[in-house]
Amino acid sequence: MSISLLKVQNFYQRKTLNSPKGGS
């Protein structure tokens, strides 16, 4: 796995956690 990919995943995870939806 690429480091940038891990960073992107972490970023999206944070966004979903911050979202009221908790998105799927």
Protein backbone atom coordinates (compact mmCIF):
# COMPACT_ATOMS: atom_id res chain seq x y z
CA MET A 1 0.00 0.00 0.00
CA SER A 2 1.17 3.48 -0.85
CA ILE A 3 1.73 6.02 1.91
CA SER A 4 -0.28 8.64 0.06
CA LEU A 5 -3.16 6.16 -0.16
CA LEU A 6 -3.03 5.63 3.59
CA LYS A 7 -3.05 9.39 4.12
CA VAL A 8 -6.07 9.74 1.85
CA GLN A 9 -7.90 6.96 3.69
CA ASN A 10 -7.14 8.60 7.04
CA PHE A 11 -8.38 11.93 5.69
CA TYR A 12 -11.63 10.43 4.44
CA GLN A 13 -12.13 8.53 7.68
CA ARG A 14 -11.83 11.76 9.63
CA LYS A 15 -14.27 13.49 7.31
CA THR A 16 -16.82 10.71 7.75
CA LEU A 17 -16.35 10.77 11.53
CA ASN A 18 -16.88 14.55 11.55
CA SER A 19 -19.91 14.26 9.27
CA PRO A 20 -23.34 14.11 10.91
CA LYS A 21 -24.15 11.32 8.45
CA GLY A 22 -21.26 9.17 9.56
CA GLY A 23 -21.30 8.27 5.86
CA SER A 24 -20.97 4.89 4.29
